[in-house]
C-alpha atoms as a PDB file:
ATOM      1  CA  MET A   1      -2.566  11.626  -0.957  1.00  0.00           C
ATOM      2  CA  TYR A   2       0.806  11.423  -0.304  1.00  0.00           C
ATOM      3  CA  TYR A   3       3.236  14.794  -1.434  1.00  0.00           C
ATOM      4  CA  ASP A   4       7.752  14.992  -1.266  1.00  0.00           C
ATOM      5  CA  PHE A   5       7.729  18.358  -0.626  1.00  0.00           C
ATOM      6  CA  LEU A   6      11.386  20.086  -1.087  1.00  0.00           C
ATOM      7  CA  TYR A   7      12.227  23.621  -0.593  1.00  0.00           C
ATOM      8  CA  ILE A   8      15.346  25.786  -0.631  1.00  0.00           C
ATOM      9  CA  VAL A   9      15.595  28.985   1.991  1.00  0.00           C
ATOM     10  CA  GLN A  10      18.627  31.578   1.505  1.00  0.00           C
ATOM     11  CA  PRO A  11      21.842  30.546   3.594  1.00  0.00           C
ATOM     12  CA  ASN A  12      22.212  33.568   5.534  1.00  0.00           C
ATOM     13  CA  VAL A  13      18.650  33.723   7.776  1.00  0.00           C
ATOM     14  CA  THR A  14      18.425  33.434  11.017  1.00  0.00           C
ATOM     15  CA  ASP A  15      17.655  30.607  13.517  1.00  0.00           C
ATOM     16  CA  GLU A  16      14.315  32.463  14.330  1.00  0.00           C
ATOM     17  CA  GLU A  17      13.465  32.936  10.659  1.00  0.00           C
ATOM     18  CA  PHE A  18      14.535  29.340   9.887  1.00  0.00           C
ATOM     19  CA  ASP A  19      11.780  28.077  12.388  1.00  0.00           C
ATOM     20  CA  THR A  20       9.273  30.418  11.488  1.00  0.00           C
ATOM     21  CA  ILE A  21       8.951  29.991   7.073  1.00  0.00           C
ATOM     22  CA  LEU A  22       9.447  25.901   8.728  1.00  0.00           C
ATOM     23  CA  SER A  23       7.004  25.291  11.758  1.00  0.00           C
ATOM     24  CA  ASP A  24       4.086  28.037   9.340  1.00  0.00           C
ATOM     25  CA  VAL A  25       4.441  26.198   6.591  1.00  0.00           C
ATOM     26  CA  VAL A  26       3.926  23.054   9.103  1.00  0.00           C
ATOM     27  CA  SER A  27       0.782  24.770   9.950  1.00  0.00           C
ATOM     28  CA  ARG A  28      -1.282  25.205   7.033  1.00  0.00           C
ATOM     29  CA  ILE A  29      -0.313  21.718   6.248  1.00  0.00           C
ATOM     30  CA  GLU A  30      -2.210  20.636   9.527  1.00  0.00           C
ATOM     31  CA  GLY A  31      -4.672  23.564   9.464  1.00  0.00           C
ATOM     32  CA  SER A  32      -6.076  22.349   5.985  1.00  0.00           C
ATOM     33  CA  GLY A  33      -6.206  18.301   7.199  1.00  0.00           C
ATOM     34  CA  GLY A  34      -3.500  17.480   6.489  1.00  0.00           C
ATOM     35  CA  LYS A  35      -0.537  15.708   8.461  1.00  0.00           C
ATOM     36  CA  VAL A  36       2.885  15.276   8.294  1.00  0.00           C
ATOM     37  CA  LEU A  37       4.512  12.605   8.504  1.00  0.00           C
ATOM     38  CA  LYS A  38       7.860  12.906   8.497  1.00  0.00           C
ATOM     39  CA  SER A  39      10.453  16.021   7.903  1.00  0.00           C
ATOM     40  CA  ALA A  40      14.157  16.235   7.529  1.00  0.00           C
ATOM     41  CA  ILE A  41      16.821  19.137   7.645  1.00  0.00           C
ATOM     42  CA  TRP A  42      19.482  18.196   5.020  1.00  0.00           C
ATOM     43  CA  GLY A  43      21.244  21.700   6.483  1.00  0.00           C
ATOM     44  CA  LYS A  44      23.381  23.774   4.555  1.00  0.00           C
ATOM     45  CA  LYS A  45      23.958  22.568   0.324  1.00  0.00           C
ATOM     46  CA  GLN A  46      26.072  23.876  -2.055  1.00  0.00           C
ATOM     47  CA  LEU A  47      23.808  24.656  -4.732  1.00  0.00           C
ATOM     48  CA  ALA A  48      24.623  23.307  -8.218  1.00  0.00           C
ATOM     49  CA  TYR A  49      24.254  27.182  -9.652  1.00  0.00           C
ATOM     50  CA  PRO A  50      23.267  30.513  -8.154  1.00  0.00           C
ATOM     51  CA  ILE A  51      20.084  31.352  -7.936  1.00  0.00           C
ATOM     52  CA  LYS A  52      19.223  34.840  -6.923  1.00  0.00           C
ATOM     53  CA  LYS A  53      23.311  35.067  -6.454  1.00  0.00           C
ATOM     54  CA  TYR A  54      23.596  33.086  -3.830  1.00  0.00           C
ATOM     55  CA  ARG A  55      25.581  29.654  -4.037  1.00  0.00           C
ATOM     56  CA  GLN A  56      24.377  27.335  -0.704  1.00  0.00           C
ATOM     57  CA  GLY A  57      20.930  26.943   0.880  1.00  0.00           C
ATOM     58  CA  ILE A  58      19.701  25.518   3.599  1.00  0.00           C
ATOM     59  CA  TYR A  59      17.439  22.132   1.992  1.00  0.00           C
ATOM     60  CA  VAL A  60      14.000  21.460   4.111  1.00  0.00           C
ATOM     61  CA  ASN A  61      12.183  17.850   3.283  1.00  0.00           C
ATOM     62  CA  LEU A  62       8.867  17.586   4.114  1.00  0.00           C
ATOM     63  CA  PHE A  63       6.125  13.901   3.805  1.00  0.00           C
ATOM     64  CA  TYR A  64       2.922  14.788   4.105  1.00  0.00           C
ATOM     65  CA  GLU A  65      -0.257  14.045   3.313  1.00  0.00           C
ATOM     66  CA  ALA A  66      -2.930  15.840   2.559  1.00  0.00           C
ATOM     67  CA  ASN A  67      -5.926  16.922  -0.294  1.00  0.00           C
ATOM     68  CA  THR A  68      -5.440  17.866  -3.600  1.00  0.00           C
ATOM     69  CA  THR A  69      -5.935  21.418  -2.926  1.00  0.00           C
ATOM     70  CA  VAL A  70      -2.692  22.239  -0.703  1.00  0.00           C
ATOM     71  CA  PRO A  71       0.352  21.435  -2.264  1.00  0.00           C
ATOM     72  CA  LYS A  72      -1.038  24.573  -4.261  1.00  0.00           C
ATOM     73  CA  GLN A  73      -1.371  26.913  -1.311  1.00  0.00           C
ATOM     74  CA  ILE A  74       2.081  25.946   0.258  1.00  0.00           C
ATOM     75  CA  GLU A  75       3.569  27.101  -3.132  1.00  0.00           C
ATOM     76  CA  SER A  76       1.880  30.313  -3.584  1.00  0.00           C
ATOM     77  CA  PHE A  77       1.894  30.433   0.201  1.00  0.00           C
ATOM     78  CA  LEU A  78       6.405  30.511   0.004  1.00  0.00           C
ATOM     79  CA  ALA A  79       6.304  31.852  -3.086  1.00  0.00           C
ATOM     80  CA  LEU A  80       5.772  35.345  -1.334  1.00  0.00           C
ATOM     81  CA  LYS A  81       8.203  34.299   0.857  1.00  0.00           C
ATOM     82  CA  ASP A  82      12.235  36.307  -0.036  1.00  0.00           C
ATOM     83  CA  ASP A  83      13.705  34.094   1.880  1.00  0.00           C
ATOM     84  CA  VAL A  84      12.506  30.815  -0.032  1.00  0.00           C
ATOM     85  CA  LEU A  85      14.988  30.199  -3.051  1.00  0.00           C
ATOM     86  CA  ARG A  86      12.959  27.129  -4.908  1.00  0.00           C
ATOM     87  CA  GLN A  87      10.923  25.063  -3.599  1.00  0.00           C
ATOM     88  CA  MET A  88       9.600  21.279  -5.467  1.00  0.00           C
ATOM     89  CA  THR A  89       6.400  19.321  -4.616  1.00  0.00           C
ATOM     90  CA  VAL A  90       6.417  15.251  -6.169  1.00  0.00           C
ATOM     91  CA  LYS A  91       3.197  12.775  -5.592  1.00  0.00           C
ATOM     92  CA  MET A  92       4.600  10.347  -4.673  1.00  0.00           C
ATOM     93  CA  LEU A  93       3.598   6.689  -6.060  1.00  0.00           C
ATOM     94  CA  LYS A  94       2.547   3.727  -3.655  1.00  0.00           C
ATOM     95  CA  LYS A  95       6.064   1.481  -4.087  1.00  0.00           C
ATOM     96  CA  ASP A  96       7.374   4.574  -1.834  1.00  0.00           C
ATOM     97  CA  ILE A  97       5.252   5.173   0.425  1.00  0.00           C
ATOM     98  CA  ALA A  98       5.486   1.791   1.639  1.00  0.00           C
ATOM     99  CA  ARG A  99       9.479   2.202   1.615  1.00  0.00           C
ATOM    100  CA  LEU A 100       8.727   5.314   3.828  1.00  0.00           C
ATOM    101  CA  THR A 101       6.476   3.816   6.584  1.00  0.00           C
ATOM    102  CA  GLN A 102       8.989   0.874   6.334  1.00  0.00           C
ATOM    103  CA  GLY A 103      12.183   2.878   6.736  1.00  0.00           C
ATOM    104  CA  GLU A 104      10.425   4.179  10.240  1.00  0.00           C
ATOM    105  CA  GLN A 105       9.637   1.197  11.236  1.00  0.00           C
ATOM    106  CA  LYS A 106      12.604   0.041  10.582  1.00  0.00           C
ATOM    107  CA  VAL A 107      14.023   3.023  12.773  1.00  0.00           C
ATOM    108  CA  SER A 108      11.940   2.314  16.358  1.00  0.00           C
ATOM    109  CA  THR A 109      13.040  -1.143  16.309  1.00  0.00           C
ATOM    110  CA  VAL A 110      16.685  -0.045  16.098  1.00  0.00           C
ATOM    111  CA  GLN A 111      16.021   2.562  18.772  1.00  0.00           C
ATOM    112  CA  GLU A 112      13.637  -0.053  20.795  1.00  0.00           C
ATOM    113  CA  ASN A 113      17.064  -2.067  20.818  1.00  0.00           C
ATOM    114  CA  GLN A 114      19.256   0.067  21.856  1.00  0.00           C
ATOM    115  CA  GLU A 115      17.729   1.396  25.199  1.00  0.00           C
ATOM    116  CA  GLN A 116      17.331  -2.601  25.796  1.00  0.00           C
ATOM    117  CA  ASN A 117      21.026  -2.588  25.287  1.00  0.00           C
ATOM    118  CA  ALA A 118      20.955   0.020  27.472  1.00  0.00           C
ATOM    119  CA  GLN A 119      19.396  -1.068  30.474  1.00  0.00           C
ATOM    120  CA  SER A 120      21.421  -4.621  30.146  1.00  0.00           C
END
């Protein structure tokens, strides 16, 4: 199954703590036989409403492939972390997966074109 996973980290965490949380999530996905397809750190954003007295949070989005038990494991792991404000996992539809892979192909094609133009 393919999943879209979004979580929000407290804005006052250090870079080391943030990197540790991110690497822990990725290692748990890969340790359970899954594969992270794409990860994006959206950065510090304004929250729609205060959560635990914070008005901002650092957003992280992961697209991954794993068996059906992994999302529950990841969510229970992050529920114990005080630095994580919110989290949400959504099962992806086939059309969304196709759109994700097409986006990766377009990015690689653009990068190849830029490299060829730089060499010329």
